[in-house]
Amino acid sequence: MQSDLSKIQTTDAKVEIDRSDLQSRLRLQTGVKSRWPGVKMTPGDEPWNAKPYQTLSIDVTNLSDHSAEIGMKVQGLELVNENLLNRVDVVGPGQTRELSFPLYATPWRFDAEVETDAMNVSPGQMCIGSIGFIKAVTLYVRRPSHAHTLLLGDLRLSDPAEVREARNAFPIVDRYGQLIGHDWPGKIENDRQLKTTASSTGQANENASVSRRWSRYGGWTKADRREATDAFRTVKLDGKWWLIDPDGYLFWSHGVDCVSAQYSFTGVQDREHYFAWLPDNNTNRKTDISSDASDETKELLDPLGNYYHRAEWAHHEFYNSRVPFLSYNFFIANLHRRFGAQWPARFADQAHDRLRDWGLNTMAAWSDPAITSLKRTPYTAFCRLEGATMIAGSTSNWQRFVDVYSSDFPEVVDSALQTVSHCFDDPWCIGIFVDNELSFGEDYSLADGVLRSPATQPAKIKFCDWLKEKYLDIDALNQAWKTQYADWDSFLHSMQWPAGKANADDSPSLADRRVFSERLVDRYFSTIANRLHHLAPGRLYLGCRFFWMNDSALRIAAKHCDVISINHYHYLTDNLALPDGIDKPVVIGEFHFGATDRGMLHPTHLPADDQADRASKYEAYVTSALKHPAIVGTHWFQYVDMPVTGRGDGENANVGLVTITNTPYRELTDAIAHMGESMYELRSGKTNPNHNSASSK
């Protein structure tokens, strides 16, 4: 599969044929103006037929001095959204790497299309949609901070896929929630094996030596001890940010999100045929048994039938129109099989033991309060601003932005914080996250959302009042903004926003929208910070877990947050940088890598070749974070794999430290323990540090 230069399109890049080394390759030089500089390659007269093959590959040589995250995006004739089929890998300086794009989630394909719902990736089907025939492949550098020169080999289709009959596509998972039709080391075949496997931590006992060298909070006892304050705080030492634990020891937060059994529900309603086994729903059966029935009669109920739930969240996909929908939790069912009715206490105890044995010292966001309240592992709390008045015209993948000028905003903040009041006086709580992955867009986007909102929007009224103070009359505003509002009331009732010349970089309109966006962001962070520190003195404000962000929002967050949180889904943290002049500690709220060699269908958007490669990528990521002067912790998302048959929103990726059967991924947990063993020495760069100067908060 080759592309001549006439079939190539570039974005912030130059391309030419390189015939050195007796080979004909594309030499690609990418810039830094675009977030995704690269090249789009198309076939000749006929598209490439990908259906018979498992793998699309290309060899990439990085001739640059810096690592590059290389993405491969595939567009098919049958796929509407070309961005869905997207894979990323990292190529080091001077390295040649084969970038492989698995076209199927399993080693087999079905002989006909099989319709599945609420699963982002399905067995025997092409990954995240049906490609069939490929009409374009794009190679790009992901959000580069440096220019790169790459050599690209020929695209290759390889590994013919085994063909299976579509009539055997269902059921998809067995009684333990595991994929049917595929075997792997550690797959559970019976209850006896489940009890034996899930009882172990997944580590040799010698790894427990990690925690023996830590303080009770997981701090570094080899470093100089500082004042004990009964709370976590931040400190900068020798150019690097740290946390200090309540006993005064240096602390780096090595953690995992969602230490809980409650995030493994999968929808069963209208998908019953996906499952080889489902117990009777005891919620329904209990209504058929009188309250004065004998204990023997009540004991006839299968206890595994207690783990159904009416789910209230789907976000999108199949179940969005079915809320509330019936779901089932195979993870809890497997815990019950292993531990019996006492599984909540046994699971909590095991989770604390495992984290210490694995060199982890933080139960991060969304961890179960029933587990964190045992006060054995430091944790972070999370709350969300529920019930707030939102800016009607704002846009986001998750939710609209809150209207900070609404009269109910301070009350909403207090109500949200009260949901985590259990941590207000708890020294084991590092701090509190408020909200998750808010979309700030460009530095003027929030103001544009206000302009798209109705006249009754409190933020729009405030924007109008501010513009009145600045321009005095509507004619002055129209002249500056290149608009034609009849009067201020017309401004309020218009739901359009300036276009054309009004969006030039030097336009007064754009400048005003930037200023008002900054005011919205500042009021958001300052209000939360003030209320949090009033209600929970001693707890750190950990921010909003940035994902979509701009420099302006980061600068404002740095004014009010004790630690800035960023969900950073990359292979390394090398490209993470705060705006110029901003010096603030950062915690990575989420990251992960996945593979499909152990019965999972989706390798996440940052795939690994297998579990061993997943472990290697973990070590590389955390090592890069330990070397980053601003980063004070990394939190892996998440403790348990997503269900094979999908969450309510269809996500079904290999993200866990443990499987749906509570079986640890040994390669990964060994790598985590290795990082826990060495992280403090790596962070300090010294075996026996003796710091003489420090600035702290």
Foldseek 3Di string as FASTA:
>chain_A
DDADPVQKDWDQKDWDWDCPPNATWIKIKHFQPDQWTWMKGFDDPFFAFQVQFFKKKKKKFWQDQAKFWKKKFWAAPFDDDRRQQMFIDIAGHRGIDMDMRGQALDLAAEPDDDDAWLACHAHRAGHRDHRRTTGMMIMTTGNDPGMTIMIMGDMDTDRGGHYDHPVPRWQQAELLLFGPPDDDPPDDDDLVSLQVQLVDLLDDQVLLVLLVCADLLRFHPLADFDPQQLFKWWWAFPLFIFIAANRRGTAFAAAAEALDLPQAWDFCVVPVRNYPDDFAQVVVVVVVDDPPDDPVVVVVGDVQNPFKDQDQDQLDIDCPVVHRGIIGASLVVLLCSNPNPPSVVVSLVSVLVSCSSLLGQEHEENYDCVNVVVVRGAYEYEWEQPPADFLQQADDSRDGHGQLQDPCNLVSLLVRVVVVLVCLSRNSYQAYAYAAADALDELLRNLLSNQLGALPRRLVVVLLVVVCVVQVFVVSVCVQQVHDQPGSVSSSHHNHAGDDPSPPPPGPNSVSSNVSSLVRLLSVLQSNLVSSCVSRPSHFHAYHAHEHDDQSSLVSNLVRGQEYEHQDEDLACVPDDHPPPRQHAYEHNEYAFAESNHRARARPSHYADHLLRRLVSVLRHVLRQLQDRRYRYYYYYHAEFHRSSHDSNNYGTGRHCAYSSSRGSSSNSNSSSVCSNCSVCSNVVDPNDDTDDMDID
